[in-house]
N, C-alpha and C. Protein backbone atom coordinates (compact mmCIF):
# COMPACT_ATOMS: atom_id res chain seq x y z
N UNK A 1 90.06 29.06 -32.72
CA UNK A 1 89.77 29.50 -31.71
C UNK A 1 90.69 29.51 -30.48
N UNK A 2 90.96 30.85 -29.92
CA UNK A 2 91.77 30.30 -28.72
C UNK A 2 91.12 30.05 -26.86
N UNK A 3 91.65 29.51 -25.90
CA UNK A 3 90.90 29.67 -24.92
C UNK A 3 90.53 30.52 -24.01
N UNK A 4 90.43 31.79 -24.33
CA UNK A 4 90.23 32.68 -24.22
C UNK A 4 88.79 33.17 -24.86
N UNK A 5 88.23 32.22 -25.60
CA UNK A 5 87.13 32.99 -26.31
C UNK A 5 86.54 31.66 -26.15
N UNK A 6 86.65 30.81 -24.91
CA UNK A 6 85.35 29.74 -24.77
C UNK A 6 84.73 30.48 -23.71
N UNK A 7 84.71 31.06 -22.65
CA UNK A 7 84.16 31.70 -21.89
C UNK A 7 83.15 32.51 -22.74
N UNK A 8 83.41 32.93 -24.14
CA UNK A 8 82.68 34.47 -24.64
C UNK A 8 81.33 33.26 -25.12
N UNK A 9 81.90 32.60 -25.52
CA UNK A 9 80.72 31.25 -26.43
C UNK A 9 79.92 30.83 -25.53
N UNK A 10 80.27 30.09 -24.75
CA UNK A 10 79.44 29.52 -23.34
C UNK A 10 78.50 30.20 -22.52
N UNK A 11 77.73 29.37 -22.66
CA UNK A 11 75.93 29.95 -21.90
C UNK A 11 76.33 30.19 -20.38
N UNK A 12 77.20 28.72 -19.52
CA UNK A 12 77.48 29.23 -18.08
C UNK A 12 78.79 28.52 -18.21
N UNK A 13 79.19 29.52 -17.14
CA UNK A 13 80.52 29.30 -17.05
C UNK A 13 80.51 29.58 -15.03
N UNK A 14 81.81 28.13 -14.65
CA UNK A 14 81.58 27.98 -13.47
C UNK A 14 83.19 27.77 -13.15
N UNK A 15 83.68 28.01 -11.77
CA UNK A 15 85.04 27.74 -11.27
C UNK A 15 84.40 26.96 -9.74
N UNK A 16 85.08 26.07 -10.24
CA UNK A 16 85.07 25.02 -8.80
C UNK A 16 86.81 25.06 -8.16
N UNK A 17 87.10 25.57 -6.66
CA UNK A 17 88.26 25.35 -6.44
C UNK A 17 87.80 24.44 -4.87
N UNK A 18 89.55 23.92 -5.10
CA UNK A 18 89.57 23.01 -4.05
C UNK A 18 90.81 23.10 -3.29
N UNK A 19 90.72 23.78 -2.05
CA UNK A 19 91.73 23.71 -0.90
C UNK A 19 91.62 22.34 -0.15
N UNK A 20 93.02 22.12 0.43
CA UNK A 20 92.78 21.20 1.77
C UNK A 20 92.27 21.99 2.77
N UNK A 21 91.79 20.99 3.69
CA UNK A 21 91.13 21.66 4.79
C UNK A 21 89.68 21.94 5.01
N UNK A 22 89.13 22.70 3.74
CA UNK A 22 88.10 23.50 3.69
C UNK A 22 87.38 23.33 2.60
N UNK A 23 86.41 23.37 2.70
CA UNK A 23 85.11 22.64 1.73
C UNK A 23 85.16 23.49 -0.02
N UNK A 24 85.45 22.73 -0.68
CA UNK A 24 84.87 23.06 -1.95
C UNK A 24 84.56 24.23 -2.21
N UNK A 25 85.02 25.08 -3.20
CA UNK A 25 83.99 26.24 -3.56
C UNK A 25 83.68 26.31 -4.64
N UNK A 26 82.35 26.58 -4.93
CA UNK A 26 81.73 26.62 -6.50
C UNK A 26 81.64 28.05 -6.73
N UNK A 27 81.76 28.51 -7.74
CA UNK A 27 81.47 29.93 -8.22
C UNK A 27 80.46 30.16 -9.55
N UNK A 28 79.64 30.46 -9.56
CA UNK A 28 78.70 30.74 -10.97
C UNK A 28 79.49 32.37 -11.47
N UNK A 29 80.02 32.57 -12.87
CA UNK A 29 80.63 33.30 -13.30
C UNK A 29 79.94 33.56 -13.97
N UNK A 30 79.58 32.71 -15.17
CA UNK A 30 78.64 33.36 -15.94
C UNK A 30 77.23 32.22 -16.19
N UNK A 31 76.13 33.32 -16.19
CA UNK A 31 74.76 32.88 -16.47
C UNK A 31 74.23 33.54 -17.47
N UNK A 32 73.97 33.21 -18.55
CA UNK A 32 73.05 33.61 -19.87
C UNK A 32 71.97 34.34 -19.54
N UNK A 33 71.20 33.23 -19.64
CA UNK A 33 69.59 33.06 -19.33
C UNK A 33 69.52 34.02 -18.24
N UNK A 34 70.11 34.35 -17.21
CA UNK A 34 69.04 35.27 -16.47
C UNK A 34 70.01 36.20 -15.79
N UNK A 35 71.70 36.16 -16.07
CA UNK A 35 73.04 36.87 -15.92
C UNK A 35 73.19 37.00 -14.23
N UNK A 36 72.83 35.72 -13.91
CA UNK A 36 73.06 35.34 -12.32
C UNK A 36 74.61 35.42 -12.05
N UNK A 37 75.48 36.03 -11.28
CA UNK A 37 76.76 35.90 -10.56
C UNK A 37 76.42 34.90 -9.47
N UNK A 38 77.20 34.20 -8.99
CA UNK A 38 77.38 34.16 -7.70
C UNK A 38 78.53 34.91 -6.78
N UNK A 39 77.72 35.52 -5.86
CA UNK A 39 78.59 37.11 -5.24
C UNK A 39 79.63 35.78 -4.02
N UNK A 40 78.85 35.15 -3.61
CA UNK A 40 79.85 33.83 -2.42
C UNK A 40 79.87 32.64 -2.89
N UNK A 41 81.14 32.40 -2.65
CA UNK A 41 81.30 30.83 -3.08
C UNK A 41 79.82 29.67 -2.47
N UNK A 42 79.91 28.56 -3.09
CA UNK A 42 78.92 27.51 -2.51
C UNK A 42 79.53 27.06 -2.45
N UNK A 43 79.40 26.68 -1.23
CA UNK A 43 80.81 25.62 -0.20
C UNK A 43 79.86 24.36 -0.58
N UNK A 44 80.47 23.27 -1.22
CA UNK A 44 80.39 21.94 -1.52
C UNK A 44 81.37 21.03 -0.24
N UNK A 45 80.87 19.51 -0.77
CA UNK A 45 81.62 18.64 0.13
C UNK A 45 81.92 17.60 -1.15
N UNK A 46 82.66 16.99 -0.72
CA UNK A 46 83.38 15.62 -0.99
C UNK A 46 83.09 14.27 -0.76
N UNK A 47 82.24 13.09 -1.93
CA UNK A 47 82.07 11.96 -0.93
C UNK A 47 83.29 10.94 -1.85
N UNK A 48 83.60 10.49 -1.34
CA UNK A 48 85.25 9.41 -2.30
C UNK A 48 84.48 8.31 -2.41
N UNK A 49 83.19 7.79 -1.61
CA UNK A 49 82.80 6.60 -2.49
C UNK A 49 81.89 6.38 -3.30
N UNK A 50 81.11 7.63 -3.64
CA UNK A 50 80.61 7.99 -5.07
C UNK A 50 81.37 8.46 -5.76
N UNK A 51 82.27 9.47 -5.27
CA UNK A 51 82.89 10.69 -6.26
C UNK A 51 82.17 11.92 -6.54
N UNK A 52 81.10 12.49 -6.14
CA UNK A 52 80.04 13.60 -5.74
C UNK A 52 80.47 14.55 -5.28
N UNK A 53 80.73 15.50 -5.44
CA UNK A 53 80.44 16.67 -4.71
C UNK A 53 79.19 17.24 -4.64
N UNK A 54 78.84 17.31 -3.11
CA UNK A 54 77.31 17.55 -3.07
C UNK A 54 77.11 18.73 -2.02
N UNK A 55 76.30 19.52 -1.87
CA UNK A 55 75.61 20.63 -0.95
C UNK A 55 75.23 19.78 0.90
N UNK A 56 75.91 20.40 1.46
CA UNK A 56 75.56 19.50 2.95
C UNK A 56 74.40 19.48 3.19
N UNK A 57 73.30 20.43 2.79
CA UNK A 57 72.18 20.43 2.77
C UNK A 57 71.25 19.25 2.18
N UNK A 58 71.98 18.54 1.10
CA UNK A 58 71.59 17.63 0.13
C UNK A 58 72.37 16.14 0.62
N UNK A 59 73.10 15.90 1.57
CA UNK A 59 73.86 15.16 1.86
C UNK A 59 73.15 13.74 1.61
N UNK A 60 72.20 13.60 1.98
CA UNK A 60 71.41 12.37 2.75
C UNK A 60 70.54 12.24 1.14
N UNK A 61 70.50 12.81 0.06
CA UNK A 61 69.60 12.66 -0.98
C UNK A 61 69.89 11.57 -2.17
N UNK A 62 69.06 11.05 -2.51
CA UNK A 62 69.15 9.70 -3.14
C UNK A 62 68.78 10.04 -4.66
N UNK A 63 69.23 9.86 -5.70
CA UNK A 63 69.09 10.03 -6.77
C UNK A 63 68.23 8.87 -7.49
N UNK A 64 67.72 9.16 -9.04
CA UNK A 64 67.05 7.85 -9.47
C UNK A 64 67.89 6.54 -9.70
N UNK A 65 69.31 6.92 -10.12
CA UNK A 65 69.80 5.82 -10.45
C UNK A 65 70.66 5.06 -9.02
N UNK A 66 70.20 5.36 -8.16
CA UNK A 66 70.33 4.95 -6.61
C UNK A 66 69.02 3.98 -5.94
N UNK A 67 68.24 4.43 -6.84
CA UNK A 67 66.94 3.93 -5.92
C UNK A 67 66.71 2.10 -6.79
N UNK A 68 66.04 1.43 -5.83
CA UNK A 68 65.85 0.06 -6.43
C UNK A 68 65.35 -0.08 -7.76
N UNK A 69 65.74 -1.14 -8.40
CA UNK A 69 64.79 -1.38 -9.52
C UNK A 69 63.65 -0.84 -9.95
N UNK A 70 62.69 -1.95 -8.97
CA UNK A 70 61.07 -1.92 -9.06
C UNK A 70 60.61 -0.36 -8.99
N UNK A 71 61.43 0.78 -8.46
CA UNK A 71 60.76 2.02 -7.80
C UNK A 71 60.60 2.43 -9.30
N UNK A 72 62.51 2.45 -9.90
CA UNK A 72 62.71 2.60 -11.13
C UNK A 72 61.53 2.71 -12.33
N UNK A 73 61.33 1.38 -12.16
CA UNK A 73 60.14 0.67 -13.58
C UNK A 73 58.48 1.20 -13.25
N UNK A 74 58.38 1.75 -12.21
CA UNK A 74 57.00 2.46 -11.82
C UNK A 74 56.80 3.84 -12.77
N UNK A 75 58.43 4.35 -12.97
CA UNK A 75 58.12 5.22 -13.91
C UNK A 75 57.46 6.53 -12.95
N UNK A 76 57.42 6.68 -11.92
CA UNK A 76 56.52 7.80 -11.61
C UNK A 76 57.44 8.96 -10.80
N UNK A 77 57.12 9.90 -10.44
CA UNK A 77 58.33 11.10 -9.70
C UNK A 77 58.08 10.88 -8.22
N UNK A 78 59.14 10.54 -8.02
CA UNK A 78 59.06 10.26 -6.22
C UNK A 78 60.10 11.45 -5.62
N UNK A 79 60.07 11.72 -4.59
CA UNK A 79 60.47 12.77 -3.68
C UNK A 79 61.32 11.76 -2.53
N UNK A 80 62.25 11.43 -3.07
CA UNK A 80 63.53 10.81 -2.35
C UNK A 80 64.49 11.04 -1.45
N UNK A 81 64.40 12.81 -1.70
CA UNK A 81 65.22 13.33 -0.80
C UNK A 81 65.17 13.50 0.89
N UNK A 82 65.67 14.24 1.79
CA UNK A 82 65.78 13.75 3.43
C UNK A 82 63.90 13.99 3.93
């Protein structure tokens, strides 16, 4: 199998472009489930501390692994976003 066949076999294909002095761009090139493609790039920021790309809208979102142990042990769904 050549590298050109990989997108044909994949269910989802994304493109990430990082440019100096500009937000990182994420594009959805292929989404097999509903056929959606992004017409405009999705702007993402990079946090060097957590080494994570994030949407500026979700900048302060806390994920389950970032919660205190006692909250994780409760084993319940919590809205921990802004």
